[in-house]
Amino acid sequence: MIEKKEALLINIDENFENAVDKARELFLKGSIFIYPTDTIYGFGGNPFNESAIKKISEVKGKVNWHRYIFLISDIEILKSYADVNSERYLDFLLSIWPNPISVILKLNKEYQELLQAETGAFRIPNHRFCHKLISELKMPLISTSVNRTGNEPMNDSSVIIQEFLSEVDAIFYSDKKSFFEASTLIDLTGEEPKLVREGRIKFVELMKKLN
C-alpha cells in the first residue's frame, strides 16, 4: 500500500519570510497549498499549471472546474490579464483595493484562450502574507474556498489540517482571527456594476465610490 505524504504545516506568524519563500517555491513547482486570506482560507496554486488546477479540482470534488478568484498584487498586473473597459471602473478599483472585494472582468484575448474562459474574477487582498507572496510572484494566485463540493467553506485551521493533511502539499496557517465571510463579488463586464455575492463590505457602500 502506498503511504500518503502529509502536507508541510507552516505557521505564517512564526515563520513569515520562510512561509512566503516556501509558498513561492510550491507555486512554481505546480504544487497546491492552503493559506489564509483577508476573507476565508483558500486553496492556492498556479492558474496556468494544468496539474495544479486538476489537483485543486479533485480535492474540492469539482472536475474540470475553472471558476477561481485570482489574487493579484496591483492594477498593472491586472491589466496584463484583463480588459478594464473604462477609466471610471479603473478609478473605482483604485479606490476599493486592497480589500475583500473581488471583481469579474473580461479576460483579454490571449488569456481567454489560455484559461478557456471569457471572464475572470480578481482581487488585491488586504492580507500581509498574500500580498507579499503575489508581489514576489508577479502572477495571479488561485484562491478558492477550502471545502468539498456542497459543503460550507472551512475556516478553522485545526479542522482544515485534520481534513486535508494528506491531500495538499502544504498548509499555511495563522493564529490570528480569521473572517468567516467570502469576498463581495461584483460583475464589471457591463456598463454598470452588478452584485453577484454580498460579503463583509456591502455593495451599497461600494457604489458610493463609483463616480
N, C-alpha and C. Protein backbone atom coordinates (compact mmCIF):
# COMPACT_ATOMS: atom_id res chain seq x y z
N MET A 1 0.84 -1.19 0.00
CA MET A 1 0.00 0.00 0.00
C MET A 1 0.88 1.26 0.00
N ILE A 2 0.54 2.24 -0.86
CA ILE A 2 1.32 3.47 -0.94
C ILE A 2 0.92 4.38 0.22
N GLU A 3 1.92 4.82 0.95
CA GLU A 3 1.66 5.70 2.08
C GLU A 3 1.47 7.13 1.57
N LYS A 4 0.39 7.77 2.02
CA LYS A 4 0.12 9.14 1.58
C LYS A 4 1.07 10.10 2.27
N LYS A 5 1.60 11.03 1.50
CA LYS A 5 2.51 12.03 2.05
C LYS A 5 1.71 13.11 2.77
N GLU A 6 2.18 13.51 3.93
CA GLU A 6 1.48 14.55 4.68
C GLU A 6 2.00 15.93 4.30
N ALA A 7 1.10 16.90 4.36
CA ALA A 7 1.44 18.28 3.99
C ALA A 7 2.41 18.90 4.98
N LEU A 8 3.22 19.81 4.48
CA LEU A 8 4.04 20.65 5.36
C LEU A 8 3.08 21.57 6.13
N LEU A 9 3.32 21.76 7.41
CA LEU A 9 2.50 22.67 8.21
C LEU A 9 3.37 23.85 8.61
N ILE A 10 2.97 25.05 8.20
CA ILE A 10 3.79 26.24 8.45
C ILE A 10 2.94 27.36 9.04
N ASN A 11 3.33 27.79 10.25
CA ASN A 11 2.66 28.91 10.92
C ASN A 11 3.25 30.20 10.37
N ILE A 12 2.45 30.99 9.66
CA ILE A 12 2.97 32.19 9.00
C ILE A 12 3.34 33.28 10.00
N ASP A 13 2.78 33.24 11.19
CA ASP A 13 3.11 34.24 12.21
C ASP A 13 4.50 34.01 12.78
N GLU A 14 4.90 32.76 12.88
CA GLU A 14 6.19 32.41 13.47
C GLU A 14 7.31 32.39 12.43
N ASN A 15 6.98 32.06 11.18
CA ASN A 15 7.99 31.91 10.13
C ASN A 15 7.57 32.65 8.86
N PHE A 16 7.33 33.95 8.97
CA PHE A 16 6.73 34.69 7.87
C PHE A 16 7.54 34.62 6.57
N GLU A 17 8.80 35.00 6.62
CA GLU A 17 9.62 35.03 5.41
C GLU A 17 9.81 33.62 4.83
N ASN A 18 10.04 32.65 5.71
CA ASN A 18 10.18 31.26 5.26
C ASN A 18 8.89 30.75 4.63
N ALA A 19 7.76 31.15 5.20
CA ALA A 19 6.46 30.74 4.68
C ALA A 19 6.26 31.28 3.26
N VAL A 20 6.59 32.55 3.06
CA VAL A 20 6.45 33.16 1.74
C VAL A 20 7.36 32.46 0.74
N ASP A 21 8.61 32.21 1.14
CA ASP A 21 9.57 31.54 0.25
C ASP A 21 9.08 30.15 -0.14
N LYS A 22 8.54 29.42 0.83
CA LYS A 22 8.07 28.05 0.57
C LYS A 22 6.84 28.07 -0.34
N ALA A 23 5.93 29.00 -0.09
CA ALA A 23 4.72 29.10 -0.92
C ALA A 23 5.10 29.44 -2.36
N ARG A 24 6.08 30.32 -2.52
CA ARG A 24 6.56 30.68 -3.86
C ARG A 24 7.15 29.48 -4.57
N GLU A 25 7.94 28.72 -3.85
CA GLU A 25 8.56 27.52 -4.41
C GLU A 25 7.50 26.50 -4.84
N LEU A 26 6.50 26.29 -4.00
CA LEU A 26 5.43 25.33 -4.30
C LEU A 26 4.62 25.79 -5.51
N PHE A 27 4.32 27.09 -5.57
CA PHE A 27 3.57 27.66 -6.69
C PHE A 27 4.30 27.37 -8.00
N LEU A 28 5.60 27.64 -8.03
CA LEU A 28 6.38 27.49 -9.26
C LEU A 28 6.56 26.03 -9.66
N LYS A 29 6.46 25.12 -8.70
CA LYS A 29 6.57 23.69 -8.99
C LYS A 29 5.26 23.07 -9.45
N GLY A 30 4.16 23.81 -9.34
CA GLY A 30 2.86 23.26 -9.71
C GLY A 30 2.19 22.53 -8.57
N SER A 31 2.70 22.74 -7.34
CA SER A 31 2.09 22.12 -6.16
C SER A 31 0.89 22.96 -5.72
N ILE A 32 0.08 22.42 -4.79
CA ILE A 32 -1.06 23.16 -4.26
C ILE A 32 -0.95 23.27 -2.74
N PHE A 33 -1.54 24.33 -2.21
CA PHE A 33 -1.45 24.56 -0.77
C PHE A 33 -2.69 25.29 -0.28
N ILE A 34 -2.85 25.30 1.04
CA ILE A 34 -3.94 26.01 1.69
C ILE A 34 -3.32 27.19 2.43
N TYR A 35 -3.98 28.33 2.40
CA TYR A 35 -3.40 29.52 3.03
C TYR A 35 -4.51 30.48 3.48
N PRO A 36 -4.21 31.32 4.49
CA PRO A 36 -5.20 32.30 4.96
C PRO A 36 -5.22 33.51 4.03
N THR A 37 -6.38 34.13 3.92
CA THR A 37 -6.52 35.35 3.10
C THR A 37 -7.21 36.42 3.94
N ASP A 38 -7.60 37.51 3.30
CA ASP A 38 -8.34 38.55 4.03
C ASP A 38 -9.82 38.20 4.16
N THR A 39 -10.20 37.04 3.65
CA THR A 39 -11.57 36.55 3.87
C THR A 39 -11.49 35.19 4.57
N ILE A 40 -11.62 34.12 3.82
CA ILE A 40 -11.54 32.78 4.39
C ILE A 40 -10.30 32.07 3.85
N TYR A 41 -9.98 30.91 4.44
CA TYR A 41 -8.85 30.13 3.93
C TYR A 41 -9.12 29.70 2.49
N GLY A 42 -8.04 29.64 1.70
CA GLY A 42 -8.21 29.26 0.30
C GLY A 42 -7.24 28.18 -0.13
N PHE A 43 -7.62 27.44 -1.17
CA PHE A 43 -6.67 26.57 -1.87
C PHE A 43 -5.90 27.47 -2.83
N GLY A 44 -4.58 27.26 -2.91
CA GLY A 44 -3.77 28.08 -3.79
C GLY A 44 -2.95 27.26 -4.76
N GLY A 45 -2.61 27.90 -5.88
CA GLY A 45 -1.78 27.25 -6.89
C GLY A 45 -1.64 28.16 -8.09
N ASN A 46 -0.90 27.68 -9.08
CA ASN A 46 -0.64 28.43 -10.29
C ASN A 46 -1.79 28.24 -11.29
N PRO A 47 -2.51 29.30 -11.65
CA PRO A 47 -3.65 29.16 -12.57
C PRO A 47 -3.27 28.74 -13.98
N PHE A 48 -1.96 28.79 -14.30
CA PHE A 48 -1.51 28.41 -15.64
C PHE A 48 -0.84 27.04 -15.65
N ASN A 49 -0.94 26.33 -14.54
CA ASN A 49 -0.39 24.98 -14.45
C ASN A 49 -1.55 23.98 -14.40
N GLU A 50 -1.70 23.20 -15.47
CA GLU A 50 -2.84 22.27 -15.57
C GLU A 50 -2.86 21.27 -14.42
N SER A 51 -1.68 20.83 -13.99
CA SER A 51 -1.59 19.87 -12.89
C SER A 51 -2.14 20.47 -11.60
N ALA A 52 -1.80 21.73 -11.33
CA ALA A 52 -2.28 22.40 -10.11
C ALA A 52 -3.79 22.57 -10.15
N ILE A 53 -4.31 23.00 -11.30
CA ILE A 53 -5.76 23.18 -11.44
C ILE A 53 -6.48 21.84 -11.23
N LYS A 54 -5.94 20.79 -11.83
CA LYS A 54 -6.55 19.46 -11.72
C LYS A 54 -6.56 18.98 -10.26
N LYS A 55 -5.44 19.21 -9.56
CA LYS A 55 -5.34 18.78 -8.16
C LYS A 55 -6.37 19.49 -7.29
N ILE A 56 -6.47 20.82 -7.46
CA ILE A 56 -7.43 21.57 -6.66
C ILE A 56 -8.86 21.12 -6.96
N SER A 57 -9.16 20.92 -8.24
CA SER A 57 -10.49 20.46 -8.64
C SER A 57 -10.82 19.10 -8.02
N GLU A 58 -9.83 18.21 -8.01
CA GLU A 58 -10.04 16.88 -7.44
C GLU A 58 -10.28 16.94 -5.93
N VAL A 59 -9.50 17.76 -5.24
CA VAL A 59 -9.66 17.87 -3.78
C VAL A 59 -11.02 18.46 -3.45
N LYS A 60 -11.43 19.47 -4.22
CA LYS A 60 -12.75 20.09 -3.98
C LYS A 60 -13.90 19.19 -4.43
N GLY A 61 -13.60 18.29 -5.38
CA GLY A 61 -14.65 17.43 -5.92
C GLY A 61 -15.37 18.07 -7.08
N LYS A 62 -14.69 19.00 -7.77
CA LYS A 62 -15.28 19.66 -8.94
C LYS A 62 -14.36 19.40 -10.13
N VAL A 63 -14.70 18.43 -10.93
CA VAL A 63 -13.85 18.05 -12.06
C VAL A 63 -13.90 19.12 -13.15
N ASN A 64 -12.72 19.45 -13.69
CA ASN A 64 -12.59 20.45 -14.78
C ASN A 64 -13.25 21.77 -14.43
N TRP A 65 -13.11 22.17 -13.18
CA TRP A 65 -13.74 23.41 -12.71
C TRP A 65 -12.72 24.53 -12.75
N HIS A 66 -13.04 25.65 -13.39
CA HIS A 66 -12.07 26.74 -13.55
C HIS A 66 -12.53 28.06 -12.92
N ARG A 67 -13.60 28.04 -12.16
CA ARG A 67 -14.14 29.31 -11.65
C ARG A 67 -13.45 29.71 -10.34
N TYR A 68 -12.24 30.16 -10.46
CA TYR A 68 -11.46 30.57 -9.31
C TYR A 68 -11.33 32.09 -9.28
N ILE A 69 -11.09 32.62 -8.09
CA ILE A 69 -10.71 34.02 -7.97
C ILE A 69 -9.18 34.07 -8.06
N PHE A 70 -8.68 35.09 -8.76
CA PHE A 70 -7.24 35.28 -8.88
C PHE A 70 -6.81 36.44 -7.98
N LEU A 71 -5.89 36.16 -7.07
CA LEU A 71 -5.33 37.23 -6.25
C LEU A 71 -4.16 37.85 -7.01
N ILE A 72 -4.14 39.18 -7.06
CA ILE A 72 -3.08 39.90 -7.78
C ILE A 72 -2.51 40.98 -6.87
N SER A 73 -1.31 41.47 -7.22
CA SER A 73 -0.64 42.42 -6.34
C SER A 73 -0.95 43.88 -6.65
N ASP A 74 -1.29 44.18 -7.90
CA ASP A 74 -1.53 45.58 -8.25
C ASP A 74 -2.31 45.69 -9.57
N ILE A 75 -2.73 46.90 -9.87
CA ILE A 75 -3.54 47.17 -11.06
C ILE A 75 -2.77 46.89 -12.35
N GLU A 76 -1.48 47.16 -12.36
CA GLU A 76 -0.68 46.92 -13.57
C GLU A 76 -0.67 45.44 -13.94
N ILE A 77 -0.59 44.58 -12.93
CA ILE A 77 -0.66 43.13 -13.18
C ILE A 77 -2.04 42.79 -13.75
N LEU A 78 -3.07 43.38 -13.17
CA LEU A 78 -4.44 43.14 -13.65
C LEU A 78 -4.56 43.45 -15.14
N LYS A 79 -3.96 44.57 -15.57
CA LYS A 79 -4.07 45.00 -16.97
C LYS A 79 -3.40 44.01 -17.94
N SER A 80 -2.50 43.19 -17.43
CA SER A 80 -1.85 42.18 -18.28
C SER A 80 -2.80 41.03 -18.63
N TYR A 81 -3.82 40.84 -17.80
CA TYR A 81 -4.70 39.68 -17.97
C TYR A 81 -6.13 40.02 -18.37
N ALA A 82 -6.58 41.19 -17.96
CA ALA A 82 -8.00 41.52 -18.17
C ALA A 82 -8.15 42.90 -18.80
N ASP A 83 -9.29 43.11 -19.44
CA ASP A 83 -9.62 44.41 -20.03
C ASP A 83 -10.52 45.18 -19.07
N VAL A 84 -10.02 46.29 -18.57
CA VAL A 84 -10.86 47.18 -17.75
C VAL A 84 -11.45 48.18 -18.72
N ASN A 85 -12.76 48.07 -18.97
CA ASN A 85 -13.32 48.76 -20.14
C ASN A 85 -13.64 50.24 -19.97
N SER A 86 -13.27 50.84 -18.85
CA SER A 86 -13.49 52.29 -18.71
C SER A 86 -12.59 52.87 -17.63
N GLU A 87 -12.27 54.16 -17.81
CA GLU A 87 -11.49 54.88 -16.77
C GLU A 87 -12.29 54.93 -15.47
N ARG A 88 -13.59 54.98 -15.61
CA ARG A 88 -14.48 55.02 -14.44
C ARG A 88 -14.29 53.77 -13.58
N TYR A 89 -14.24 52.61 -14.23
CA TYR A 89 -14.03 51.36 -13.48
C TYR A 89 -12.60 51.28 -12.93
N LEU A 90 -11.66 51.80 -13.67
CA LEU A 90 -10.28 51.79 -13.21
C LEU A 90 -10.13 52.62 -11.94
N ASP A 91 -10.72 53.81 -11.94
CA ASP A 91 -10.71 54.66 -10.75
C ASP A 91 -11.42 53.98 -9.58
N PHE A 92 -12.50 53.29 -9.89
CA PHE A 92 -13.26 52.56 -8.87
C PHE A 92 -12.39 51.49 -8.21
N LEU A 93 -11.68 50.71 -9.03
CA LEU A 93 -10.82 49.65 -8.50
C LEU A 93 -9.70 50.23 -7.64
N LEU A 94 -9.13 51.35 -8.08
CA LEU A 94 -8.07 52.01 -7.30
C LEU A 94 -8.60 52.48 -5.94
N SER A 95 -9.88 52.82 -5.89
CA SER A 95 -10.47 53.33 -4.64
C SER A 95 -10.88 52.22 -3.67
N ILE A 96 -11.11 51.00 -4.17
CA ILE A 96 -11.61 49.94 -3.28
C ILE A 96 -10.55 48.92 -2.86
N TRP A 97 -9.45 48.83 -3.57
CA TRP A 97 -8.43 47.81 -3.27
C TRP A 97 -7.26 48.43 -2.53
N PRO A 98 -6.51 47.67 -1.68
CA PRO A 98 -6.73 46.25 -1.34
C PRO A 98 -7.87 46.09 -0.33
N ASN A 99 -8.68 45.08 -0.56
CA ASN A 99 -9.84 44.80 0.29
C ASN A 99 -10.46 43.47 -0.11
N PRO A 100 -11.33 42.90 0.75
CA PRO A 100 -12.01 41.66 0.39
C PRO A 100 -13.15 41.89 -0.59
N ILE A 101 -12.79 42.45 -1.75
CA ILE A 101 -13.75 42.74 -2.81
C ILE A 101 -13.19 42.16 -4.11
N SER A 102 -13.92 41.24 -4.72
CA SER A 102 -13.49 40.61 -5.97
C SER A 102 -14.35 41.13 -7.11
N VAL A 103 -13.73 41.30 -8.28
CA VAL A 103 -14.49 41.81 -9.42
C VAL A 103 -14.31 40.89 -10.62
N ILE A 104 -15.39 40.70 -11.35
CA ILE A 104 -15.37 39.89 -12.58
C ILE A 104 -15.12 40.83 -13.75
N LEU A 105 -14.10 40.51 -14.52
CA LEU A 105 -13.74 41.30 -15.70
C LEU A 105 -13.57 40.39 -16.91
N LYS A 106 -13.68 40.97 -18.09
CA LYS A 106 -13.44 40.21 -19.30
C LYS A 106 -11.93 40.01 -19.46
N LEU A 107 -11.51 38.77 -19.67
CA LEU A 107 -10.10 38.48 -19.91
C LEU A 107 -9.71 38.98 -21.30
N ASN A 108 -8.44 39.34 -21.47
CA ASN A 108 -8.01 39.72 -22.82
C ASN A 108 -7.93 38.46 -23.70
N LYS A 109 -7.78 38.63 -24.98
CA LYS A 109 -7.88 37.50 -25.92
C LYS A 109 -6.88 36.39 -25.62
N GLU A 110 -5.65 36.80 -25.30
CA GLU A 110 -4.60 35.80 -25.01
C GLU A 110 -5.00 34.89 -23.86
N TYR A 111 -5.54 35.49 -22.78
CA TYR A 111 -5.84 34.68 -21.59
C TYR A 111 -7.22 34.02 -21.67
N GLN A 112 -8.08 34.52 -22.54
CA GLN A 112 -9.33 33.79 -22.81
C GLN A 112 -8.98 32.42 -23.38
N GLU A 113 -8.03 32.40 -24.30
CA GLU A 113 -7.61 31.13 -24.92
C GLU A 113 -6.86 30.26 -23.91
N LEU A 114 -5.97 30.86 -23.16
CA LEU A 114 -5.13 30.11 -22.23
C LEU A 114 -5.94 29.51 -21.09
N LEU A 115 -6.89 30.29 -20.56
CA LEU A 115 -7.69 29.83 -19.41
C LEU A 115 -9.02 29.21 -19.82
N GLN A 116 -9.29 29.22 -21.13
CA GLN A 116 -10.54 28.64 -21.65
C GLN A 116 -11.77 29.23 -20.96
N ALA A 117 -11.74 30.55 -20.83
CA ALA A 117 -12.85 31.27 -20.20
C ALA A 117 -12.89 32.69 -20.74
N GLU A 118 -14.07 33.28 -20.77
CA GLU A 118 -14.20 34.66 -21.26
C GLU A 118 -13.91 35.68 -20.17
N THR A 119 -14.23 35.31 -18.94
CA THR A 119 -14.07 36.24 -17.82
C THR A 119 -13.23 35.63 -16.71
N GLY A 120 -12.76 36.49 -15.82
CA GLY A 120 -12.04 36.04 -14.64
C GLY A 120 -12.38 36.96 -13.47
N ALA A 121 -12.27 36.44 -12.25
CA ALA A 121 -12.52 37.25 -11.06
C ALA A 121 -11.18 37.56 -10.40
N PHE A 122 -10.98 38.83 -10.03
CA PHE A 122 -9.70 39.29 -9.50
C PHE A 122 -9.88 40.04 -8.19
N ARG A 123 -8.82 40.02 -7.37
CA ARG A 123 -8.84 40.77 -6.11
C ARG A 123 -7.41 41.12 -5.68
N ILE A 124 -7.23 42.33 -5.19
CA ILE A 124 -6.00 42.66 -4.47
C ILE A 124 -6.33 42.50 -3.00
N PRO A 125 -5.77 41.49 -2.34
CA PRO A 125 -6.18 41.20 -0.96
C PRO A 125 -5.52 42.12 0.06
N ASN A 126 -6.24 42.35 1.13
CA ASN A 126 -5.73 43.15 2.24
C ASN A 126 -5.20 42.19 3.31
N HIS A 127 -4.12 41.49 2.96
CA HIS A 127 -3.55 40.47 3.85
C HIS A 127 -2.05 40.41 3.62
N ARG A 128 -1.28 40.54 4.68
CA ARG A 128 0.18 40.68 4.57
C ARG A 128 0.83 39.49 3.86
N PHE A 129 0.48 38.27 4.26
CA PHE A 129 1.09 37.08 3.67
C PHE A 129 0.75 36.98 2.18
N CYS A 130 -0.53 37.11 1.86
CA CYS A 130 -0.97 37.03 0.45
C CYS A 130 -0.27 38.09 -0.39
N HIS A 131 -0.24 39.31 0.13
CA HIS A 131 0.30 40.40 -0.68
C HIS A 131 1.80 40.24 -0.91
N LYS A 132 2.50 39.80 0.10
CA LYS A 132 3.95 39.58 -0.05
C LYS A 132 4.21 38.47 -1.08
N LEU A 133 3.42 37.40 -1.01
CA LEU A 133 3.60 36.28 -1.94
C LEU A 133 3.32 36.70 -3.38
N ILE A 134 2.18 37.32 -3.63
CA ILE A 134 1.84 37.66 -5.01
C ILE A 134 2.71 38.79 -5.56
N SER A 135 3.23 39.64 -4.66
CA SER A 135 4.16 40.68 -5.10
C SER A 135 5.46 40.06 -5.61
N GLU A 136 5.88 38.98 -4.97
CA GLU A 136 7.10 38.29 -5.40
C GLU A 136 6.85 37.45 -6.66
N LEU A 137 5.67 36.85 -6.75
CA LEU A 137 5.35 36.01 -7.90
C LEU A 137 5.16 36.84 -9.17
N LYS A 138 4.56 38.03 -9.00
CA LYS A 138 4.20 38.88 -10.15
C LYS A 138 3.29 38.13 -11.13
N MET A 139 2.47 37.27 -10.57
CA MET A 139 1.49 36.47 -11.32
C MET A 139 0.25 36.30 -10.46
N PRO A 140 -0.90 35.99 -11.06
CA PRO A 140 -2.09 35.72 -10.26
C PRO A 140 -1.93 34.42 -9.47
N LEU A 141 -2.55 34.39 -8.30
CA LEU A 141 -2.58 33.21 -7.44
C LEU A 141 -4.03 32.75 -7.31
N ILE A 142 -4.27 31.46 -7.54
CA ILE A 142 -5.62 30.92 -7.37
C ILE A 142 -6.06 31.08 -5.92
N SER A 143 -7.30 31.48 -5.73
CA SER A 143 -7.91 31.48 -4.41
C SER A 143 -9.32 30.93 -4.55
N THR A 144 -9.56 29.81 -3.90
CA THR A 144 -10.90 29.21 -3.90
C THR A 144 -11.13 28.58 -2.54
N SER A 145 -12.34 28.68 -2.04
CA SER A 145 -12.63 28.29 -0.65
C SER A 145 -12.24 26.85 -0.34
N VAL A 146 -11.82 26.63 0.90
CA VAL A 146 -11.40 25.31 1.35
C VAL A 146 -12.64 24.53 1.80
N ASN A 147 -13.11 23.67 0.92
CA ASN A 147 -14.27 22.84 1.24
C ASN A 147 -14.46 21.80 0.14
N ARG A 148 -15.26 20.79 0.45
CA ARG A 148 -15.69 19.83 -0.57
C ARG A 148 -16.96 20.38 -1.23
N THR A 149 -17.20 20.00 -2.44
CA THR A 149 -18.39 20.45 -3.16
C THR A 149 -19.65 20.17 -2.34
N GLY A 150 -20.47 21.20 -2.19
CA GLY A 150 -21.73 21.04 -1.45
C GLY A 150 -21.62 21.32 0.03
N ASN A 151 -20.40 21.44 0.54
CA ASN A 151 -20.19 21.71 1.96
C ASN A 151 -19.83 23.17 2.18
N GLU A 152 -20.04 23.63 3.41
CA GLU A 152 -19.70 25.01 3.75
C GLU A 152 -18.17 25.19 3.77
N PRO A 153 -17.69 26.38 3.42
CA PRO A 153 -16.25 26.65 3.50
C PRO A 153 -15.74 26.44 4.93
N MET A 154 -14.53 25.91 5.03
CA MET A 154 -13.91 25.66 6.33
C MET A 154 -12.94 26.79 6.65
N ASN A 155 -12.93 27.22 7.91
CA ASN A 155 -12.07 28.35 8.25
C ASN A 155 -11.33 28.18 9.58
N ASP A 156 -11.42 26.99 10.15
CA ASP A 156 -10.69 26.68 11.38
C ASP A 156 -9.46 25.87 10.98
N SER A 157 -8.27 26.42 11.23
CA SER A 157 -7.05 25.78 10.75
C SER A 157 -6.88 24.35 11.27
N SER A 158 -7.27 24.09 12.52
CA SER A 158 -7.11 22.74 13.08
C SER A 158 -8.01 21.74 12.37
N VAL A 159 -9.23 22.16 12.01
CA VAL A 159 -10.17 21.30 11.29
C VAL A 159 -9.67 21.09 9.85
N ILE A 160 -9.17 22.16 9.24
CA ILE A 160 -8.62 22.08 7.88
C ILE A 160 -7.45 21.10 7.83
N ILE A 161 -6.55 21.18 8.81
CA ILE A 161 -5.39 20.29 8.87
C ILE A 161 -5.85 18.84 8.98
N GLN A 162 -6.81 18.60 9.82
CA GLN A 162 -7.33 17.24 10.01
C GLN A 162 -7.95 16.69 8.73
N GLU A 163 -8.64 17.55 7.98
CA GLU A 163 -9.37 17.12 6.79
C GLU A 163 -8.47 16.95 5.56
N PHE A 164 -7.49 17.85 5.40
CA PHE A 164 -6.76 17.91 4.12
C PHE A 164 -5.26 17.61 4.24
N LEU A 165 -4.81 17.12 5.37
CA LEU A 165 -3.38 16.92 5.62
C LEU A 165 -2.69 16.07 4.54
N SER A 166 -3.38 15.08 4.02
CA SER A 166 -2.74 14.18 3.04
C SER A 166 -3.14 14.50 1.59
N GLU A 167 -3.83 15.63 1.38
CA GLU A 167 -4.32 15.93 0.03
C GLU A 167 -3.72 17.18 -0.61
N VAL A 168 -2.96 17.94 0.17
CA VAL A 168 -2.28 19.12 -0.38
C VAL A 168 -0.80 19.03 0.00
N ASP A 169 0.00 19.89 -0.61
CA ASP A 169 1.45 19.84 -0.37
C ASP A 169 1.87 20.64 0.86
N ALA A 170 1.09 21.65 1.22
CA ALA A 170 1.41 22.44 2.42
C ALA A 170 0.15 23.12 2.93
N ILE A 171 0.13 23.38 4.22
CA ILE A 171 -0.95 24.16 4.83
C ILE A 171 -0.29 25.30 5.62
N PHE A 172 -0.52 26.51 5.15
CA PHE A 172 -0.03 27.71 5.83
C PHE A 172 -1.18 28.20 6.71
N TYR A 173 -0.89 28.47 7.96
CA TYR A 173 -1.98 28.87 8.86
C TYR A 173 -1.52 29.99 9.78
N SER A 174 -2.49 30.63 10.40
CA SER A 174 -2.22 31.75 11.29
C SER A 174 -3.02 31.57 12.57
N ASP A 175 -2.46 32.05 13.68
CA ASP A 175 -3.18 32.02 14.95
C ASP A 175 -4.10 33.23 15.09
N LYS A 176 -3.97 34.18 14.16
CA LYS A 176 -4.78 35.40 14.25
C LYS A 176 -6.21 35.13 13.80
N LYS A 177 -7.11 35.98 14.28
CA LYS A 177 -8.53 35.85 13.95
C LYS A 177 -8.73 35.90 12.43
N SER A 178 -9.54 35.00 11.94
CA SER A 178 -9.85 34.97 10.51
C SER A 178 -11.33 35.30 10.32
N PHE A 179 -11.63 36.00 9.24
CA PHE A 179 -13.03 36.33 8.95
C PHE A 179 -13.74 35.15 8.31
N PHE A 180 -15.03 35.02 8.61
CA PHE A 180 -15.79 33.86 8.12
C PHE A 180 -16.71 34.23 6.98
N GLU A 181 -16.36 35.28 6.25
CA GLU A 181 -17.18 35.69 5.11
C GLU A 181 -16.34 35.74 3.86
N ALA A 182 -16.90 35.25 2.76
CA ALA A 182 -16.22 35.34 1.47
C ALA A 182 -16.22 36.79 1.00
N SER A 183 -15.45 37.07 -0.03
CA SER A 183 -15.37 38.45 -0.53
C SER A 183 -16.67 38.86 -1.20
N THR A 184 -16.93 40.16 -1.19
CA THR A 184 -18.01 40.71 -2.01
C THR A 184 -17.59 40.53 -3.46
N LEU A 185 -18.50 40.03 -4.29
CA LEU A 185 -18.17 39.75 -5.69
C LEU A 185 -19.05 40.61 -6.60
N ILE A 186 -18.39 41.41 -7.46
CA ILE A 186 -19.09 42.35 -8.32
C ILE A 186 -18.72 42.08 -9.78
N ASP A 187 -19.72 42.08 -10.65
CA ASP A 187 -19.50 41.88 -12.08
C ASP A 187 -19.32 43.25 -12.75
N LEU A 188 -18.14 43.47 -13.32
CA LEU A 188 -17.85 44.73 -14.01
C LEU A 188 -17.71 44.55 -15.52
N THR A 189 -18.35 43.52 -16.06
CA THR A 189 -18.24 43.28 -17.50
C THR A 189 -19.25 44.12 -18.30
N GLY A 190 -20.24 44.69 -17.62
CA GLY A 190 -21.24 45.51 -18.30
C GLY A 190 -21.02 46.99 -18.05
N GLU A 191 -21.97 47.80 -18.49
CA GLU A 191 -21.84 49.25 -18.33
C GLU A 191 -22.04 49.69 -16.89
N GLU A 192 -22.79 48.91 -16.12
CA GLU A 192 -23.00 49.21 -14.70
C GLU A 192 -22.65 47.98 -13.87
N PRO A 193 -22.10 48.16 -12.67
CA PRO A 193 -21.73 47.02 -11.82
C PRO A 193 -22.96 46.23 -11.40
N LYS A 194 -22.78 44.92 -11.30
CA LYS A 194 -23.85 44.03 -10.81
C LYS A 194 -23.32 43.25 -9.61
N LEU A 195 -24.11 43.19 -8.56
CA LEU A 195 -23.73 42.42 -7.38
C LEU A 195 -23.96 40.94 -7.64
N VAL A 196 -22.92 40.13 -7.44
CA VAL A 196 -23.03 38.68 -7.60
C VAL A 196 -23.14 38.02 -6.23
N ARG A 197 -22.34 38.53 -5.27
CA ARG A 197 -22.35 37.95 -3.92
C ARG A 197 -22.00 39.05 -2.92
N GLU A 198 -22.83 39.18 -1.91
CA GLU A 198 -22.57 40.17 -0.85
C GLU A 198 -21.61 39.58 0.17
N GLY A 199 -20.60 40.34 0.52
CA GLY A 199 -19.65 39.91 1.54
C GLY A 199 -19.63 40.86 2.70
N ARG A 200 -18.48 40.93 3.38
CA ARG A 200 -18.35 41.76 4.58
C ARG A 200 -18.50 43.25 4.22
N ILE A 201 -17.98 43.65 3.06
CA ILE A 201 -18.11 45.04 2.62
C ILE A 201 -19.33 45.13 1.70
N LYS A 202 -20.29 45.94 2.09
CA LYS A 202 -21.59 45.95 1.43
C LYS A 202 -21.57 46.70 0.09
N PHE A 203 -22.32 46.15 -0.85
CA PHE A 203 -22.40 46.68 -2.21
C PHE A 203 -22.84 48.14 -2.22
N VAL A 204 -23.83 48.47 -1.40
CA VAL A 204 -24.37 49.83 -1.39
C VAL A 204 -23.30 50.84 -0.97
N GLU A 205 -22.40 50.43 -0.07
CA GLU A 205 -21.31 51.31 0.36
C GLU A 205 -20.28 51.47 -0.77
N LEU A 206 -20.03 50.38 -1.48
CA LEU A 206 -19.05 50.42 -2.57
C LEU A 206 -19.53 51.32 -3.71
N MET A 207 -20.82 51.32 -3.97
CA MET A 207 -21.35 52.11 -5.06
C MET A 207 -21.19 53.60 -4.83
N LYS A 208 -21.00 54.00 -3.57
CA LYS A 208 -20.77 55.42 -3.27
C LYS A 208 -19.41 55.88 -3.79
N LYS A 209 -18.51 54.90 -4.05
CA LYS A 209 -17.17 55.23 -4.54
C LYS A 209 -17.11 55.29 -6.07
N LEU A 210 -18.22 54.93 -6.71
CA LEU A 210 -18.24 54.91 -8.19
C LEU A 210 -18.75 56.24 -8.72
N ASN A 211 -17.90 56.93 -9.47
CA ASN A 211 -18.30 58.26 -9.99
C ASN A 211 -19.05 58.11 -11.31
